[in-house]
Amino acid sequence: MSEQGKFITFEGIDGAGKSTHISFVADFLAARGKEIVSSREPGGTPLGEKLRDLLLHEKMHLETEALLMFASRREHMAQVIEPNLAAGKWVLSDRFSDASFAYQSGGRGMDRAKMEALEGWVHPQLQPDLTLLFDVPLEVARERLDATRALDKFEREQEEFFARCRAEYLRRAAQFPQRFAVIDSTRSIAVTQQAISEALEKLL
């Protein structure tokens, strides 16, 4: 039987720079003999990508948004995360449940107990082996967003929304320090990737 793979997630408010480093992590691990699967949330499956389009662009009730996020996540787990981990592959996901806590609970104000109930229902056992949380001040995140592309409904939110998201991310990191590595993403790419490498070496 294959040795169980590892599950690494990438988190941070929009504009924190997490997506920049996913290919670096994939290359870093592949160079050490790991077979890599990269994915994203919401999305990661044909059904999940359809839900992603709705979630990023359609207005909806807060609880509908949270339920659809976890519905997409359940499909992602069944089709991508769980089978690849069982096959010994290392799965990299651009966002996972910490994002739901940050955005739907922290940002939008959904009762945290409801989020915990959804998390306990959808993945009571599975948690990331490592969560890389890319942290930047709000003004840095906004400047990066404004310099990129057309913004989705989350990216168009006001500064206060992102302040609450960031605070919830940092609260989660303090609650689960054994799996979180908080990365100061204001530094140069080289320095940031050195910090990522150190977190990965601990996992290896």
Protein backbone atom coordinates (compact mmCIF):
# COMPACT_ATOMS: atom_id res chain seq x y z
CA MET A 1 0.00 0.00 0.00
CA SER A 2 1.07 3.57 -0.69
CA GLU A 3 2.11 5.77 2.18
CA GLN A 4 -0.58 8.38 2.88
CA GLY A 5 0.14 11.67 1.15
CA LYS A 6 0.18 15.10 2.76
CA PHE A 7 -2.36 17.90 2.43
CA ILE A 8 -1.13 21.50 2.21
CA THR A 9 -3.44 24.51 2.00
CA PHE A 10 -2.74 28.10 1.01
CA GLU A 11 -4.71 30.85 2.74
CA GLY A 12 -4.83 34.62 3.03
CA ILE A 13 -7.04 37.58 2.20
CA ASP A 14 -7.36 38.53 -1.47
CA GLY A 15 -4.16 40.24 -2.53
CA ALA A 16 -1.98 38.50 0.06
CA GLY A 17 0.03 36.82 -2.69
CA LYS A 18 -0.62 33.17 -1.86
CA SER A 19 -1.27 32.10 -5.47
CA THR A 20 2.18 33.36 -6.45
CA HIS A 21 3.83 30.67 -4.34
CA ILE A 22 1.81 27.54 -5.15
CA SER A 23 3.99 26.62 -8.14
CA PHE A 24 7.11 27.19 -6.00
CA VAL A 25 5.82 24.70 -3.41
CA ALA A 26 4.92 22.20 -6.12
CA ASP A 27 8.40 22.42 -7.63
CA PHE A 28 10.07 22.28 -4.19
CA LEU A 29 8.25 19.06 -3.30
CA ALA A 30 8.56 17.48 -6.73
CA ALA A 31 12.34 17.96 -6.51
CA ARG A 32 12.19 15.86 -3.34
CA GLY A 33 10.39 13.02 -5.05
CA LYS A 34 6.80 13.87 -4.13
CA GLU A 35 3.97 13.44 -6.62
CA ILE A 36 1.91 16.63 -6.57
CA VAL A 37 -1.74 17.43 -7.26
CA SER A 38 -2.67 21.12 -7.28
CA SER A 39 -6.26 22.28 -6.91
CA ARG A 40 -8.38 25.16 -5.65
CA GLU A 41 -11.50 26.13 -3.75
CA PRO A 42 -14.18 26.82 -4.49
CA GLY A 43 -13.75 24.55 -7.48
CA GLY A 44 -11.36 21.72 -8.14
CA THR A 45 -13.96 19.50 -9.84
CA PRO A 46 -16.35 20.04 -12.78
CA LEU A 47 -19.25 20.55 -10.37
CA GLY A 48 -17.11 22.67 -8.06
CA GLU A 49 -16.11 24.98 -10.90
CA LYS A 50 -19.79 25.59 -11.73
CA LEU A 51 -20.42 26.41 -8.07
CA ARG A 52 -17.34 28.65 -8.06
CA ASP A 53 -18.81 30.78 -10.83
CA LEU A 54 -22.02 31.21 -8.83
CA LEU A 55 -20.21 31.88 -5.57
CA LEU A 56 -17.85 34.50 -6.96
CA HIS A 57 -20.39 36.43 -9.02
CA GLU A 58 -23.96 35.93 -7.79
CA LYS A 59 -25.56 37.66 -4.82
CA MET A 60 -27.09 35.20 -2.35
CA HIS A 61 -28.08 34.74 1.27
CA LEU A 62 -25.10 34.33 3.63
CA GLU A 63 -26.12 30.83 4.68
CA THR A 64 -26.68 29.80 1.05
CA GLU A 65 -23.14 31.02 0.32
CA ALA A 66 -21.68 29.03 3.22
CA LEU A 67 -23.62 25.88 2.33
CA LEU A 68 -22.54 26.06 -1.31
CA MET A 69 -18.92 26.55 -0.24
CA PHE A 70 -19.09 23.38 1.82
CA ALA A 71 -21.01 21.52 -0.90
CA SER A 72 -18.24 22.34 -3.35
CA ARG A 73 -15.70 21.29 -0.71
CA ARG A 74 -17.37 17.92 -0.14
CA GLU A 75 -17.20 17.15 -3.85
CA HIS A 76 -13.60 18.34 -3.94
CA MET A 77 -12.73 16.00 -1.09
CA ALA A 78 -14.49 13.02 -2.65
CA GLN A 79 -13.11 13.50 -6.16
CA VAL A 80 -9.65 15.00 -5.59
CA ILE A 81 -8.33 15.31 -2.04
CA GLU A 82 -9.15 11.97 -0.42
CA PRO A 83 -8.30 9.62 -3.33
CA ASN A 84 -5.00 11.36 -4.07
CA LEU A 85 -3.92 11.38 -0.44
CA ALA A 86 -4.77 7.68 -0.24
CA ALA A 87 -2.61 7.11 -3.32
CA GLY A 88 0.36 8.74 -1.58
CA LYS A 89 0.26 12.03 -3.49
CA TRP A 90 0.72 15.44 -1.92
CA VAL A 91 -2.33 17.63 -2.47
CA LEU A 92 -1.97 21.42 -2.64
CA SER A 93 -5.18 23.41 -2.37
CA ASP A 94 -5.60 27.12 -2.93
CA ARG A 95 -8.00 27.63 0.03
CA PHE A 96 -9.92 25.18 2.22
CA SER A 97 -12.21 25.50 5.26
CA ASP A 98 -10.12 28.20 6.95
CA ALA A 99 -11.23 30.47 4.08
CA SER A 100 -14.87 29.80 4.91
CA PHE A 101 -14.25 30.77 8.52
CA ALA A 102 -12.41 33.91 7.39
CA TYR A 103 -14.86 35.07 4.72
CA GLN A 104 -18.30 33.79 5.70
CA SER A 105 -17.84 33.97 9.49
CA GLY A 106 -15.22 36.69 9.96
CA GLY A 107 -16.07 38.85 6.97
CA ARG A 108 -19.80 38.31 6.61
CA GLY A 109 -20.60 37.62 10.26
CA MET A 110 -22.09 34.12 10.10
CA ASP A 111 -22.31 32.46 13.51
CA ARG A 112 -19.04 30.60 14.10
CA ALA A 113 -20.89 27.68 15.71
CA LYS A 114 -22.69 27.08 12.40
CA MET A 115 -19.36 27.07 10.56
CA GLU A 116 -17.95 24.59 13.06
CA ALA A 117 -21.01 22.38 12.58
CA LEU A 118 -20.50 22.40 8.80
CA GLU A 119 -16.80 21.65 9.19
CA GLY A 120 -17.59 18.79 11.58
CA TRP A 121 -20.13 17.36 9.16
CA VAL A 122 -18.18 17.72 5.90
CA HIS A 123 -14.71 16.75 7.14
CA PRO A 124 -14.73 15.62 10.78
CA GLN A 125 -11.35 13.84 10.45
CA LEU A 126 -9.50 15.54 7.62
CA GLN A 127 -7.47 18.67 8.33
CA PRO A 128 -4.47 20.02 6.41
CA ASP A 129 -1.06 18.77 7.45
CA LEU A 130 0.21 22.30 6.83
CA THR A 131 -1.61 25.58 6.23
CA LEU A 132 0.49 28.40 4.81
CA LEU A 133 -1.22 31.66 5.80
CA PHE A 134 0.08 34.58 3.76
CA ASP A 135 -0.43 37.71 5.83
CA VAL A 136 -0.19 41.31 4.67
CA PRO A 137 -1.56 44.67 5.86
CA LEU A 138 -4.85 45.62 4.20
CA GLU A 139 -3.37 48.49 2.21
CA VAL A 140 -0.79 46.17 0.62
CA ALA A 141 -3.47 43.64 -0.33
CA ARG A 142 -5.66 46.35 -1.88
CA GLU A 143 -2.79 47.82 -3.86
CA ARG A 144 -2.00 44.39 -5.31
CA LEU A 145 -5.63 43.70 -6.19
CA ASP A 146 -6.08 47.04 -7.91
CA ALA A 147 -3.06 46.30 -10.09
CA THR A 148 -4.31 42.95 -11.39
CA ARG A 149 -7.63 41.94 -12.97
CA ALA A 150 -11.38 42.45 -12.95
CA LEU A 151 -12.47 41.81 -9.37
CA ASP A 152 -15.03 39.24 -8.19
CA LYS A 153 -17.69 40.03 -5.57
CA PHE A 154 -15.39 39.19 -2.64
CA GLU A 155 -12.48 41.20 -3.98
CA ARG A 156 -14.78 44.24 -4.35
CA GLU A 157 -15.61 44.24 -0.62
CA GLN A 158 -14.64 47.19 1.58
CA GLU A 159 -11.58 47.43 3.83
CA GLU A 160 -13.60 46.66 6.97
CA PHE A 161 -14.64 43.32 5.48
CA PHE A 162 -11.03 42.32 4.83
CA ALA A 163 -9.99 43.50 8.29
CA ARG A 164 -12.49 41.04 9.77
CA CYS A 165 -11.34 38.27 7.41
CA ARG A 166 -7.71 38.84 8.34
CA ALA A 167 -8.53 38.87 12.05
CA GLU A 168 -10.36 35.55 11.74
CA TYR A 169 -7.46 34.00 9.83
CA LEU A 170 -5.07 35.05 12.58
CA ARG A 171 -7.47 33.75 15.24
CA ARG A 172 -7.54 30.37 13.47
CA ALA A 173 -3.74 30.36 13.26
CA ALA A 174 -3.52 30.97 17.01
CA GLN A 175 -6.11 28.24 17.66
CA PHE A 176 -4.26 25.66 15.54
CA PRO A 177 -0.56 26.57 15.73
CA GLN A 178 0.51 22.98 15.05
CA ARG A 179 -0.63 23.16 11.42
CA PHE A 180 -0.39 26.88 10.60
CA ALA A 181 2.70 28.68 9.36
CA VAL A 182 2.04 32.43 9.18
CA ILE A 183 4.12 33.90 6.35
CA ASP A 184 4.86 37.64 6.21
CA SER A 185 4.04 38.23 2.57
CA THR A 186 5.20 41.86 2.48
CA ARG A 187 8.81 40.75 2.04
CA SER A 188 10.60 39.99 -1.21
CA ILE A 189 9.67 36.82 -3.05
CA ALA A 190 13.07 35.29 -2.21
CA VAL A 191 12.70 35.95 1.53
CA THR A 192 9.08 34.77 1.52
CA GLN A 193 10.03 31.57 -0.25
CA GLN A 194 12.80 30.93 2.27
CA ALA A 195 10.18 31.04 5.03
CA ILE A 196 7.97 28.67 3.01
CA SER A 197 10.90 26.29 2.51
CA GLU A 198 11.53 26.17 6.26
CA ALA A 199 7.89 25.27 6.93
CA LEU A 200 8.01 22.56 4.26
CA GLU A 201 11.23 21.07 5.61
CA LYS A 202 9.55 20.61 8.99
CA LEU A 203 6.72 18.69 7.30
CA LEU A 204 9.16 16.55 5.30
